[in-house]
Every structure is written in structure tokens, then in C-alpha cells.
Amino acid sequence: MSYGYQNVKHRLIDMGLVHGTKIHVMKFAPLGDPVEIKVKNFELALRNSEAGMIDVEVQ
């Protein structure tokens, strides 16, 4: 596992992306990267590689 992966993972956790957090996909850029998601009360733009680190359960 690379250190870059761990840094991004810790940043996502620090921004509130933890187990059980509800997120909403708001929009995609015209070429698909980045993607904007809503987490709690803020919008967050993530590269596809970063968004791919998030496991989701559709409800």
C-alpha cells in the first residue's frame, strides 16, 4: 500500500466520510472527473480515484 493512498484515506475520514455517513452524488464534470458529492452540510469534489475509495450501500 502506498503512502499516497493512506494520506487520501485519512483526509476523507477527517472530512467526515466514515461508516454510516450518508452521501449524495450531486454532479459529474463534463469529462467525468471530478465528481461532486454532498457530505453532511458541505459539497466535496473528488477525483475518480479518490471517490473509488469510498464503499457505498444504496438504500
PDB file of N, CA and C in Angstrom:
ATOM      1  N   MET A   1       0.858  -1.183   0.000  1.00  0.00           N
ATOM      2  CA  MET A   1       0.000   0.000   0.000  1.00  0.00           C
ATOM      3  C   MET A   1       0.895   1.233   0.000  1.00  0.00           C
ATOM      4  N   SER A   2       0.576   2.157  -0.857  1.00  0.00           N
ATOM      5  CA  SER A   2       1.408   3.353  -0.967  1.00  0.00           C
ATOM      6  C   SER A   2       1.019   4.383   0.089  1.00  0.00           C
ATOM      7  N   TYR A   3       1.937   5.268   0.390  1.00  0.00           N
ATOM      8  CA  TYR A   3       1.670   6.316   1.370  1.00  0.00           C
ATOM      9  C   TYR A   3       0.635   7.305   0.863  1.00  0.00           C
ATOM     10  N   GLY A   4       0.609   7.562  -0.450  1.00  0.00           N
ATOM     11  CA  GLY A   4      -0.375   8.470  -1.024  1.00  0.00           C
ATOM     12  C   GLY A   4      -1.789   8.000  -0.756  1.00  0.00           C
ATOM     13  N   TYR A   5      -2.024   6.697  -0.886  1.00  0.00           N
ATOM     14  CA  TYR A   5      -3.340   6.120  -0.623  1.00  0.00           C
ATOM     15  C   TYR A   5      -3.744   6.369   0.820  1.00  0.00           C
ATOM     16  N   GLN A   6      -2.835   6.142   1.747  1.00  0.00           N
ATOM     17  CA  GLN A   6      -3.129   6.342   3.172  1.00  0.00           C
ATOM     18  C   GLN A   6      -3.432   7.804   3.469  1.00  0.00           C
ATOM     19  N   ASN A   7      -2.687   8.730   2.859  1.00  0.00           N
ATOM     20  CA  ASN A   7      -2.930  10.158   3.087  1.00  0.00           C
ATOM     21  C   ASN A   7      -4.322  10.551   2.637  1.00  0.00           C
ATOM     22  N   VAL A   8      -4.721  10.091   1.443  1.00  0.00           N
ATOM     23  CA  VAL A   8      -6.054  10.413   0.937  1.00  0.00           C
ATOM     24  C   VAL A   8      -7.113   9.788   1.825  1.00  0.00           C
ATOM     25  N   LYS A   9      -6.901   8.551   2.221  1.00  0.00           N
ATOM     26  CA  LYS A   9      -7.859   7.862   3.093  1.00  0.00           C
ATOM     27  C   LYS A   9      -8.054   8.633   4.400  1.00  0.00           C
ATOM     28  N   HIS A  10      -6.988   9.097   4.996  1.00  0.00           N
ATOM     29  CA  HIS A  10      -7.087   9.855   6.254  1.00  0.00           C
ATOM     30  C   HIS A  10      -7.759  11.208   6.040  1.00  0.00           C
ATOM     31  N   ARG A  11      -7.500  11.847   4.901  1.00  0.00           N
ATOM     32  CA  ARG A  11      -8.177  13.122   4.611  1.00  0.00           C
ATOM     33  C   ARG A  11      -9.676  12.919   4.474  1.00  0.00           C
ATOM     34  N   LEU A  12     -10.089  11.839   3.801  1.00  0.00           N
ATOM     35  CA  LEU A  12     -11.515  11.553   3.646  1.00  0.00           C
ATOM     36  C   LEU A  12     -12.176  11.307   4.997  1.00  0.00           C
ATOM     37  N   ILE A  13     -11.509  10.581   5.849  1.00  0.00           N
ATOM     38  CA  ILE A  13     -12.034  10.328   7.200  1.00  0.00           C
ATOM     39  C   ILE A  13     -12.126  11.639   7.976  1.00  0.00           C
ATOM     40  N   ASP A  14     -11.101  12.472   7.879  1.00  0.00           N
ATOM     41  CA  ASP A  14     -11.107  13.765   8.575  1.00  0.00           C
ATOM     42  C   ASP A  14     -12.252  14.665   8.100  1.00  0.00           C
ATOM     43  N   MET A  15     -12.668  14.498   6.830  1.00  0.00           N
ATOM     44  CA  MET A  15     -13.754  15.306   6.287  1.00  0.00           C
ATOM     45  C   MET A  15     -15.131  14.712   6.587  1.00  0.00           C
ATOM     46  N   GLY A  16     -15.173  13.642   7.365  1.00  0.00           N
ATOM     47  CA  GLY A  16     -16.458  13.102   7.790  1.00  0.00           C
ATOM     48  C   GLY A  16     -16.943  11.885   7.034  1.00  0.00           C
ATOM     49  N   LEU A  17     -16.143  11.352   6.140  1.00  0.00           N
ATOM     50  CA  LEU A  17     -16.550  10.157   5.403  1.00  0.00           C
ATOM     51  C   LEU A  17     -16.194   8.914   6.205  1.00  0.00           C
ATOM     52  N   VAL A  18     -17.061   8.588   7.139  1.00  0.00           N
ATOM     53  CA  VAL A  18     -16.879   7.423   7.989  1.00  0.00           C
ATOM     54  C   VAL A  18     -18.077   6.493   7.811  1.00  0.00           C
ATOM     55  N   HIS A  19     -17.958   5.286   8.310  1.00  0.00           N
ATOM     56  CA  HIS A  19     -19.021   4.296   8.186  1.00  0.00           C
ATOM     57  C   HIS A  19     -20.346   4.864   8.696  1.00  0.00           C
ATOM     58  N   GLY A  20     -21.367   4.719   7.879  1.00  0.00           N
ATOM     59  CA  GLY A  20     -22.694   5.176   8.268  1.00  0.00           C
ATOM     60  C   GLY A  20     -23.046   6.582   7.822  1.00  0.00           C
ATOM     61  N   THR A  21     -22.083   7.322   7.275  1.00  0.00           N
ATOM     62  CA  THR A  21     -22.350   8.684   6.806  1.00  0.00           C
ATOM     63  C   THR A  21     -23.103   8.631   5.487  1.00  0.00           C
ATOM     64  N   LYS A  22     -24.182   9.387   5.400  1.00  0.00           N
ATOM     65  CA  LYS A  22     -24.939   9.458   4.152  1.00  0.00           C
ATOM     66  C   LYS A  22     -24.293  10.471   3.223  1.00  0.00           C
ATOM     67  N   ILE A  23     -24.166  10.086   1.958  1.00  0.00           N
ATOM     68  CA  ILE A  23     -23.635  10.989   0.942  1.00  0.00           C
ATOM     69  C   ILE A  23     -24.605  11.023  -0.230  1.00  0.00           C
ATOM     70  N   HIS A  24     -24.564  12.094  -0.971  1.00  0.00           N
ATOM     71  CA  HIS A  24     -25.379  12.243  -2.168  1.00  0.00           C
ATOM     72  C   HIS A  24     -24.461  12.685  -3.300  1.00  0.00           C
ATOM     73  N   VAL A  25     -24.539  11.999  -4.436  1.00  0.00           N
ATOM     74  CA  VAL A  25     -23.778  12.421  -5.613  1.00  0.00           C
ATOM     75  C   VAL A  25     -24.534  13.589  -6.222  1.00  0.00           C
ATOM     76  N   MET A  26     -23.873  14.734  -6.315  1.00  0.00           N
ATOM     77  CA  MET A  26     -24.513  15.949  -6.801  1.00  0.00           C
ATOM     78  C   MET A  26     -24.345  16.111  -8.310  1.00  0.00           C
ATOM     79  N   LYS A  27     -23.101  15.988  -8.793  1.00  0.00           N
ATOM     80  CA  LYS A  27     -22.866  16.157 -10.231  1.00  0.00           C
ATOM     81  C   LYS A  27     -21.502  15.623 -10.622  1.00  0.00           C
ATOM     82  N   PHE A  28     -21.381  15.381 -11.927  1.00  0.00           N
ATOM     83  CA  PHE A  28     -20.126  14.952 -12.519  1.00  0.00           C
ATOM     84  C   PHE A  28     -19.626  16.056 -13.444  1.00  0.00           C
ATOM     85  N   ALA A  29     -18.323  16.186 -13.560  1.00  0.00           N
ATOM     86  CA  ALA A  29     -17.740  17.118 -14.525  1.00  0.00           C
ATOM     87  C   ALA A  29     -18.038  16.595 -15.931  1.00  0.00           C
ATOM     88  N   PRO A  30     -17.996  17.454 -16.938  1.00  0.00           N
ATOM     89  CA  PRO A  30     -18.314  17.025 -18.306  1.00  0.00           C
ATOM     90  C   PRO A  30     -17.525  15.803 -18.790  1.00  0.00           C
ATOM     91  N   LEU A  31     -16.287  15.689 -18.393  1.00  0.00           N
ATOM     92  CA  LEU A  31     -15.489  14.529 -18.799  1.00  0.00           C
ATOM     93  C   LEU A  31     -15.467  13.442 -17.731  1.00  0.00           C
ATOM     94  N   GLY A  32     -16.297  13.583 -16.697  1.00  0.00           N
ATOM     95  CA  GLY A  32     -16.434  12.541 -15.682  1.00  0.00           C
ATOM     96  C   GLY A  32     -15.525  12.673 -14.478  1.00  0.00           C
ATOM     97  N   ASP A  33     -14.589  13.589 -14.500  1.00  0.00           N
ATOM     98  CA  ASP A  33     -13.653  13.719 -13.385  1.00  0.00           C
ATOM     99  C   ASP A  33     -13.421  15.197 -13.130  1.00  0.00           C
ATOM    100  N   PRO A  34     -13.704  15.742 -11.994  1.00  0.00           N
ATOM    101  CA  PRO A  34     -14.081  15.108 -10.725  1.00  0.00           C
ATOM    102  C   PRO A  34     -15.593  14.911 -10.585  1.00  0.00           C
ATOM    103  N   VAL A  35     -15.950  14.320  -9.469  1.00  0.00           N
ATOM    104  CA  VAL A  35     -17.348  14.127  -9.113  1.00  0.00           C
ATOM    105  C   VAL A  35     -17.598  14.952  -7.845  1.00  0.00           C
ATOM    106  N   GLU A  36     -18.775  15.548  -7.746  1.00  0.00           N
ATOM    107  CA  GLU A  36     -19.111  16.343  -6.557  1.00  0.00           C
ATOM    108  C   GLU A  36     -20.120  15.570  -5.719  1.00  0.00           C
ATOM    109  N   ILE A  37     -19.805  15.409  -4.440  1.00  0.00           N
ATOM    110  CA  ILE A  37     -20.717  14.732  -3.521  1.00  0.00           C
ATOM    111  C   ILE A  37     -21.065  15.676  -2.375  1.00  0.00           C
ATOM    112  N   LYS A  38     -22.209  15.433  -1.782  1.00  0.00           N
ATOM    113  CA  LYS A  38     -22.608  16.210  -0.606  1.00  0.00           C
ATOM    114  C   LYS A  38     -22.444  15.311   0.608  1.00  0.00           C
ATOM    115  N   VAL A  39     -21.667  15.794   1.559  1.00  0.00           N
ATOM    116  CA  VAL A  39     -21.412  15.082   2.809  1.00  0.00           C
ATOM    117  C   VAL A  39     -21.837  16.004   3.933  1.00  0.00           C
ATOM    118  N   LYS A  40     -22.804  15.559   4.713  1.00  0.00           N
ATOM    119  CA  LYS A  40     -23.351  16.369   5.799  1.00  0.00           C
ATOM    120  C   LYS A  40     -23.802  17.719   5.252  1.00  0.00           C
ATOM    121  N   ASN A  41     -23.167  18.818   5.602  1.00  0.00           N
ATOM    122  CA  ASN A  41     -23.613  20.140   5.155  1.00  0.00           C
ATOM    123  C   ASN A  41     -22.649  20.815   4.193  1.00  0.00           C
ATOM    124  N   PHE A  42     -21.815  20.040   3.507  1.00  0.00           N
ATOM    125  CA  PHE A  42     -20.887  20.659   2.561  1.00  0.00           C
ATOM    126  C   PHE A  42     -20.726  19.798   1.321  1.00  0.00           C
ATOM    127  N   GLU A  43     -20.324  20.453   0.231  1.00  0.00           N
ATOM    128  CA  GLU A  43     -20.062  19.762  -1.020  1.00  0.00           C
ATOM    129  C   GLU A  43     -18.563  19.507  -1.131  1.00  0.00           C
ATOM    130  N   LEU A  44     -18.246  18.356  -1.683  1.00  0.00           N
ATOM    131  CA  LEU A  44     -16.858  17.922  -1.777  1.00  0.00           C
ATOM    132  C   LEU A  44     -16.605  17.412  -3.190  1.00  0.00           C
ATOM    133  N   ALA A  45     -15.603  17.951  -3.865  1.00  0.00           N
ATOM    134  CA  ALA A  45     -15.217  17.480  -5.191  1.00  0.00           C
ATOM    135  C   ALA A  45     -14.060  16.502  -5.046  1.00  0.00           C
ATOM    136  N   LEU A  46     -14.231  15.320  -5.620  1.00  0.00           N
ATOM    137  CA  LEU A  46     -13.219  14.272  -5.531  1.00  0.00           C
ATOM    138  C   LEU A  46     -12.828  13.792  -6.919  1.00  0.00           C
ATOM    139  N   ARG A  47     -11.556  13.470  -7.076  1.00  0.00           N
ATOM    140  CA  ARG A  47     -11.125  12.794  -8.298  1.00  0.00           C
ATOM    141  C   ARG A  47     -11.767  11.406  -8.305  1.00  0.00           C
ATOM    142  N   ASN A  48     -11.910  10.828  -9.477  1.00  0.00           N
ATOM    143  CA  ASN A  48     -12.486   9.491  -9.562  1.00  0.00           C
ATOM    144  C   ASN A  48     -11.687   8.479  -8.758  1.00  0.00           C
ATOM    145  N   SER A  49     -10.369   8.624  -8.750  1.00  0.00           N
ATOM    146  CA  SER A  49      -9.530   7.688  -7.990  1.00  0.00           C
ATOM    147  C   SER A  49      -9.801   7.805  -6.493  1.00  0.00           C
ATOM    148  N   GLU A  50     -10.079   9.017  -6.013  1.00  0.00           N
ATOM    149  CA  GLU A  50     -10.398   9.208  -4.594  1.00  0.00           C
ATOM    150  C   GLU A  50     -11.807   8.706  -4.293  1.00  0.00           C
ATOM    151  N   ALA A  51     -12.750   9.016  -5.187  1.00  0.00           N
ATOM    152  CA  ALA A  51     -14.125   8.567  -4.987  1.00  0.00           C
ATOM    153  C   ALA A  51     -14.210   7.042  -5.000  1.00  0.00           C
ATOM    154  N   GLY A  52     -13.319   6.409  -5.736  1.00  0.00           N
ATOM    155  CA  GLY A  52     -13.296   4.951  -5.790  1.00  0.00           C
ATOM    156  C   GLY A  52     -12.917   4.296  -4.482  1.00  0.00           C
ATOM    157  N   MET A  53     -12.366   5.056  -3.549  1.00  0.00           N
ATOM    158  CA  MET A  53     -12.000   4.522  -2.235  1.00  0.00           C
ATOM    159  C   MET A  53     -13.194   4.436  -1.295  1.00  0.00           C
ATOM    160  N   ILE A  54     -14.324   5.008  -1.707  1.00  0.00           N
ATOM    161  CA  ILE A  54     -15.499   5.056  -0.849  1.00  0.00           C
ATOM    162  C   ILE A  54     -16.406   3.881  -1.175  1.00  0.00           C
ATOM    163  N   ASP A  55     -16.689   3.055  -0.181  1.00  0.00           N
ATOM    164  CA  ASP A  55     -17.642   1.963  -0.339  1.00  0.00           C
ATOM    165  C   ASP A  55     -19.010   2.478   0.028  1.00  0.00           C
ATOM    166  N   VAL A  56     -19.994   2.202  -0.816  1.00  0.00           N
ATOM    167  CA  VAL A  56     -21.346   2.703  -0.563  1.00  0.00           C
ATOM    168  C   VAL A  56     -22.338   1.563  -0.515  1.00  0.00           C
ATOM    169  N   GLU A  57     -23.412   1.818   0.187  1.00  0.00           N
ATOM    170  CA  GLU A  57     -24.545   0.901   0.246  1.00  0.00           C
ATOM    171  C   GLU A  57     -25.759   1.704  -0.186  1.00  0.00           C
ATOM    172  N   VAL A  58     -26.397   1.292  -1.248  1.00  0.00           N
ATOM    173  CA  VAL A  58     -27.549   2.011  -1.780  1.00  0.00           C
ATOM    174  C   VAL A  58     -28.777   1.647  -0.952  1.00  0.00           C
ATOM    175  N   GLN A  59     -29.502   2.682  -0.542  1.00  0.00           N
ATOM    176  CA  GLN A  59     -30.717   2.453   0.263  1.00  0.00           C
ATOM    177  C   GLN A  59     -31.922   2.907  -0.488  1.00  0.00           C
TER     178      GLN A  59
END
